[in-house]
Protein backbone atom coordinates (compact mmCIF):
# COMPACT_ATOMS: atom_id res chain seq x y z
CA MET A 1 -37.72 -14.94 -56.08
CA LYS A 2 -38.82 -17.12 -53.11
CA GLN A 3 -35.36 -18.70 -53.02
CA LEU A 4 -33.76 -15.26 -52.94
CA VAL A 5 -35.98 -14.24 -50.01
CA LYS A 6 -35.12 -17.44 -48.14
CA THR A 7 -31.43 -16.87 -48.72
CA ALA A 8 -31.64 -13.28 -47.57
CA SER A 9 -33.62 -14.35 -44.51
CA ALA A 10 -31.04 -17.01 -43.63
CA MET A 11 -28.19 -14.56 -44.06
CA TYR A 12 -30.01 -12.09 -41.84
CA ARG A 13 -30.39 -14.70 -39.08
CA ILE A 14 -26.73 -15.64 -39.37
CA LEU A 15 -25.67 -12.00 -39.26
CA LEU A 16 -27.90 -11.42 -36.22
CA CYS A 17 -26.32 -14.41 -34.42
CA VAL A 18 -22.83 -13.14 -35.23
CA LEU A 19 -23.65 -9.69 -33.93
CA LEU A 20 -25.14 -11.13 -30.73
CA CYS A 21 -22.06 -13.26 -30.19
CA MET A 22 -19.83 -10.24 -30.72
CA VAL A 23 -21.82 -8.24 -28.18
CA VAL A 24 -21.64 -11.04 -25.61
CA LEU A 25 -17.94 -11.65 -26.16
CA THR A 26 -17.12 -7.96 -26.09
CA GLY A 27 -19.02 -7.62 -22.84
CA CYS A 28 -17.04 -10.50 -21.31
CA ILE A 29 -13.70 -9.27 -22.57
CA GLY A 30 -14.35 -5.68 -21.60
CA LYS A 31 -15.58 -6.38 -18.07
CA MET A 32 -12.90 -5.45 -15.57
CA THR A 33 -12.26 -7.77 -12.63
CA PRO A 34 -9.84 -7.50 -9.68
CA ARG A 35 -7.75 -10.30 -11.19
CA LYS A 36 -7.49 -8.59 -14.60
CA LEU A 37 -6.77 -5.27 -12.99
CA MET A 38 -4.01 -6.65 -10.78
CA ARG A 39 -2.46 -8.47 -13.74
CA SER A 40 -2.23 -5.17 -15.62
CA VAL A 41 -0.83 -3.36 -12.59
CA VAL A 42 1.87 -5.96 -11.94
CA LYS A 43 2.84 -5.89 -15.62
CA ASN A 44 3.05 -2.09 -15.66
CA MET A 45 5.04 -2.01 -12.41
CA THR A 46 7.86 -3.99 -14.07
CA GLY A 47 8.84 -0.78 -15.84
CA ILE A 48 8.86 1.26 -12.62
CA THR A 49 12.25 1.98 -11.05
CA SER A 50 11.13 4.59 -8.52
CA PHE A 51 8.04 6.23 -7.09
CA SER A 52 6.95 8.86 -4.59
CA ASN A 53 4.01 8.78 -2.23
CA THR A 54 2.56 10.24 0.92
CA VAL A 55 1.74 8.31 4.08
CA ASP A 56 -0.93 9.38 6.56
CA MET A 57 -1.16 7.35 9.75
CA ASP A 58 -3.73 7.72 12.53
CA ILE A 59 -3.45 5.63 15.69
CA LYS A 60 -5.34 5.73 18.96
CA MET A 61 -4.74 3.06 21.59
CA GLU A 62 -5.96 2.96 25.18
CA ASP A 63 -4.73 0.96 28.15
CA ILE A 64 -5.72 1.01 31.80
CA VAL A 65 -3.18 3.68 32.70
CA LYS A 66 -2.29 5.32 29.42
CA VAL A 67 -3.57 6.66 26.12
CA THR A 68 -1.44 6.63 22.98
CA GLU A 69 -2.40 8.86 20.07
CA ILE A 70 -0.26 9.25 16.97
CA SER A 71 -0.93 11.27 13.85
CA MET A 72 1.77 11.09 11.23
CA ASN A 73 2.13 12.67 7.80
CA MET A 74 5.11 11.70 5.67
CA GLU A 75 6.35 12.27 2.14
CA MET A 76 8.32 9.32 0.80
CA GLN A 77 10.52 8.40 -2.15
CA ASN A 78 11.69 4.91 -3.08
CA THR A 79 14.09 3.48 -5.66
CA SER A 80 14.69 -0.11 -6.74
CA GLU A 81 18.33 -0.02 -7.89
CA PRO A 82 19.67 0.32 -5.33
CA ARG A 83 16.75 -0.39 -3.04
CA ALA A 84 16.55 2.74 -0.94
CA GLY A 85 13.99 4.99 0.71
CA HIS A 86 13.62 8.46 2.16
CA ALA A 87 10.77 9.75 4.30
CA LYS A 88 10.20 13.15 5.82
CA GLY A 89 7.29 14.68 7.68
CA THR A 90 5.66 15.43 10.99
CA ALA A 91 4.33 13.41 13.89
CA SER A 92 1.91 14.56 16.57
CA LEU A 93 2.14 12.37 19.65
CA ASN A 94 0.19 12.01 22.86
CA LEU A 95 2.08 9.46 24.96
CA ARG A 96 1.03 8.96 28.58
CA GLY A 97 -0.44 12.47 28.65
CA ILE A 98 2.64 14.11 27.21
CA LYS A 99 1.94 15.87 23.90
CA LEU A 100 4.70 16.34 21.36
CA ASP A 101 4.92 17.67 17.83
CA SER A 102 8.04 16.46 16.09
CA GLU A 103 9.80 16.64 12.74
CA MET A 104 10.75 13.19 11.50
CA GLU A 105 13.08 12.05 8.74
CA VAL A 106 14.30 8.59 7.78
CA TYR A 107 16.81 7.31 5.24
CA GLN A 108 17.20 3.65 4.39
CA VAL A 109 20.08 2.72 2.10
CA PRO A 110 22.33 -0.29 1.42
CA GLU A 111 25.80 -0.19 2.96
CA ASP A 112 28.25 -3.11 2.75
CA GLY A 113 25.52 -5.59 1.86
CA LYS A 114 23.20 -4.53 4.68
CA GLN A 115 20.21 -2.22 4.97
CA VAL A 116 21.15 0.79 7.07
CA THR A 117 18.48 3.06 8.52
CA TYR A 118 19.17 6.62 9.66
CA SER A 119 16.27 7.87 11.79
CA GLY A 120 16.00 11.47 12.86
CA MET A 121 13.59 13.27 15.16
CA ASP A 122 13.91 17.01 15.68
CA GLY A 123 17.50 16.90 14.42
CA ASN A 124 18.63 13.99 16.63
CA TRP A 125 19.83 11.02 14.60
CA ILE A 126 20.40 7.32 15.28
CA LYS A 127 21.71 4.60 12.99
CA ASP A 128 20.48 1.01 12.79
CA THR A 129 21.94 -1.79 10.68
CA SER A 130 20.03 -4.85 9.55
CA SER A 131 20.88 -7.77 7.28
CA SER A 132 17.27 -7.90 6.08
CA ASP A 133 14.99 -5.54 4.15
CA SER A 134 12.61 -5.16 7.08
CA GLY A 135 12.50 -1.38 7.10
CA PHE A 136 10.17 1.14 5.59
CA SER A 137 11.51 1.25 2.02
CA MET A 138 9.18 -0.32 -0.51
CA ASP A 139 10.17 -2.42 -3.49
CA PRO A 140 8.70 -0.95 -6.73
CA ASP A 141 7.49 -4.50 -7.41
CA PHE A 142 5.42 -4.33 -4.22
CA MET A 143 2.08 -5.06 -5.92
CA SER A 144 3.22 -8.62 -6.69
CA GLU A 145 2.92 -9.29 -2.96
CA LEU A 146 -0.84 -8.78 -3.23
CA SER A 147 -1.48 -10.76 -6.43
CA ASP A 148 -2.86 -13.85 -4.70
CA ALA A 149 -5.02 -11.86 -2.30
CA VAL A 150 -7.01 -10.09 -5.02
CA GLU A 151 -8.60 -13.38 -6.08
CA LYS A 152 -11.12 -12.72 -3.30
CA PHE A 153 -11.30 -8.95 -3.75
CA ARG A 154 -14.38 -7.13 -4.97
CA LEU A 155 -14.46 -4.31 -7.50
CA ALA A 156 -16.50 -1.24 -6.57
CA ASP A 157 -19.39 -0.36 -8.88
CA GLU A 158 -18.40 3.28 -9.18
CA PRO A 159 -14.98 4.84 -9.89
CA VAL A 160 -13.29 7.16 -7.41
CA LYS A 161 -10.90 10.08 -7.87
CA VAL A 162 -7.35 10.27 -6.53
CA GLU A 163 -5.06 13.18 -7.40
CA ASP A 164 -7.87 14.43 -9.71
CA LYS A 165 -7.65 11.23 -11.77
CA GLU A 166 -10.36 8.60 -12.18
CA CYS A 167 -9.56 5.29 -10.54
CA TYR A 168 -10.86 1.77 -10.15
CA GLU A 169 -11.44 0.76 -6.55
CA MET A 170 -11.21 -2.78 -5.16
CA TYR A 171 -11.26 -4.06 -1.62
CA GLY A 172 -10.74 -7.21 0.41
CA ASP A 173 -8.59 -8.82 3.10
CA VAL A 174 -4.81 -9.28 2.97
CA THR A 175 -2.52 -11.23 5.30
CA GLY A 176 -0.23 -9.38 7.66
CA LYS A 177 2.70 -11.13 5.99
CA SER A 178 1.85 -9.61 2.61
CA LEU A 179 1.33 -6.18 4.15
CA MET A 180 4.61 -6.41 6.01
CA ALA A 181 6.38 -7.04 2.70
CA LEU A 182 4.42 -4.19 1.15
CA LEU A 183 4.74 -1.54 3.86
CA GLY A 184 7.82 -2.61 5.79
CA SER A 185 7.88 -3.49 9.48
CA ASP A 186 8.71 0.08 10.54
CA THR A 187 5.33 1.23 9.27
CA PHE A 188 3.55 -1.46 11.32
CA HIS A 189 5.32 -0.14 14.41
CA ALA A 190 4.68 3.53 13.56
CA TYR A 191 8.44 3.99 13.16
CA GLY A 192 9.20 2.65 16.63
CA LEU A 193 6.34 4.35 18.50
CA VAL A 194 4.08 1.28 18.87
CA GLU A 195 5.03 -2.06 20.44
CA LEU A 196 3.00 -5.06 19.27
CA PRO A 197 2.52 -8.16 21.48
CA ASP A 198 3.85 -10.78 19.04
CA GLU A 199 5.89 -10.10 15.92
CA ASP A 200 5.37 -13.60 14.49
CA ALA A 201 1.58 -13.47 14.89
CA ILE A 202 1.29 -10.36 12.73
CA GLY A 203 1.88 -12.37 9.56
CA LYS A 204 -1.22 -14.46 10.21
CA LEU A 205 -3.58 -11.54 10.69
CA SER A 206 -6.32 -10.84 8.15
CA ILE A 207 -6.44 -7.11 7.46
CA PRO A 208 -8.96 -5.13 5.33
CA VAL A 209 -7.38 -3.20 2.47
CA THR A 210 -8.83 -0.81 -0.12
CA MET A 211 -6.82 -0.26 -3.30
CA ASP A 212 -7.42 2.43 -5.90
CA ILE A 213 -5.81 2.05 -9.32
CA TYR A 214 -5.33 4.87 -11.81
CA LYS A 215 -7.72 3.97 -14.61
CA GLU A 216 -5.56 5.20 -17.48
CA GLU A 217 -2.07 4.24 -16.29
CA LYS A 218 -3.13 1.03 -14.47
CA LEU A 219 -0.77 1.89 -11.62
CA PRO A 220 -1.44 2.14 -7.86
CA ALA A 221 -3.08 5.40 -6.81
CA ARG A 222 -3.99 4.82 -3.18
CA ILE A 223 -3.88 2.05 -0.59
CA ILE A 224 -5.89 2.26 2.63
CA VAL A 225 -5.12 -0.23 5.41
CA ASP A 226 -7.38 -0.52 8.45
CA MET A 227 -5.69 -2.63 11.12
CA THR A 228 -8.01 -1.59 13.97
CA ASP A 229 -10.03 -4.81 14.36
CA ALA A 230 -7.13 -7.11 13.52
CA LEU A 231 -4.91 -5.60 16.22
CA ASN A 232 -7.71 -5.64 18.77
CA ASN A 233 -8.06 -9.36 18.14
CA LEU A 234 -4.29 -9.78 18.47
CA TYR A 235 -4.14 -7.99 21.82
CA ASP A 236 -7.15 -9.97 23.07
CA ALA A 237 -5.48 -13.24 22.08
CA TYR A 238 -2.58 -12.37 24.39
CA ASP A 239 -4.84 -11.16 27.22
CA GLU A 240 -3.53 -7.65 26.79
CA THR A 241 -5.69 -4.82 28.12
CA THR A 242 -4.84 -2.52 25.22
CA GLU A 243 -7.83 -1.34 23.19
CA VAL A 244 -7.18 -0.15 19.65
CA ASN A 245 -9.67 2.58 18.69
CA ASP A 246 -8.00 3.46 15.41
CA PHE A 247 -5.04 2.15 13.44
CA THR A 248 -5.27 3.23 9.81
CA ILE A 249 -2.65 3.88 7.18
CA GLU A 250 -3.25 5.65 3.88
CA LEU A 251 -0.72 5.79 1.07
CA VAL A 252 -1.25 8.01 -1.97
CA PHE A 253 1.09 7.47 -4.93
CA ASP A 254 1.69 10.71 -6.79
CA GLY A 255 4.62 10.04 -9.11
CA TYR A 256 6.52 7.29 -10.90
CA ASN A 257 10.03 7.11 -12.38
CA HIS A 258 11.13 10.59 -11.36
CA VAL A 259 12.92 10.07 -8.02
CA GLU A 260 16.58 11.08 -7.91
CA PRO A 261 19.14 8.69 -6.31
CA ILE A 262 18.67 8.63 -2.54
CA VAL A 263 21.82 9.66 -0.71
CA VAL A 264 22.27 10.17 3.04
CA PRO A 265 23.61 13.71 3.57
CA GLU A 266 27.08 13.98 5.07
CA ASP A 267 25.84 15.95 8.08
CA VAL A 268 23.39 13.13 8.90
CA GLN A 269 26.15 10.51 8.66
CA ASN A 270 28.33 12.58 10.95
CA ALA A 271 25.54 13.04 13.47
CA VAL A 272 25.18 9.36 14.37
């Protein structure tokens, strides 16, 4: 009888140890980290061939003799094969005291091995050709550009909601080079409305970024970029008198794999 009790007691202790180990391991495996989250996002993005998003941009810059204020709201679509983009929206401008409200539209498509950008404002169109991809269109594999940066990101304690869906939120600093690849150079220049002091120096900037990831789909939900302090430091480094009061960009991703092929309308092609 005593032997039976001892055996049962030993089995109980073993079972207790196993259960404790399972709890500990489960806790470790189940704990989400920025690195794990980004790995899932990058993996899921490999199946994405197109996406749509909105872009909200707010800029306020002051110089000795002028104030520049820009508020821009755009709806965008991007495809990977071919790599193309379309953006349409409104821009409210205050440039040197002159206030304008304009309708903007941009197409970026490949033509004869080059990226061609058709930019329209209030129905007036211009065409620009580049041998690089340095426009506004975003590669559906864009999250790979941020993979290394998330090693130093932090994960928020509480989830947030984007498009009525629960999301993880993580935040940290990203280099200007990575953001340029992510957003395109046109976005950095507010589609030609902002002139920066040194194009090469932008890549070395350290810029705060907040990223929200749809919890269920593990796909990007929202990216918030605050370049205010970084650009102030850049202007100061070049003894520029420009003061940046606000330079923020917010992208909200509202759809994946549903964008139709992006084609420049014939009337736009004829207008340039």
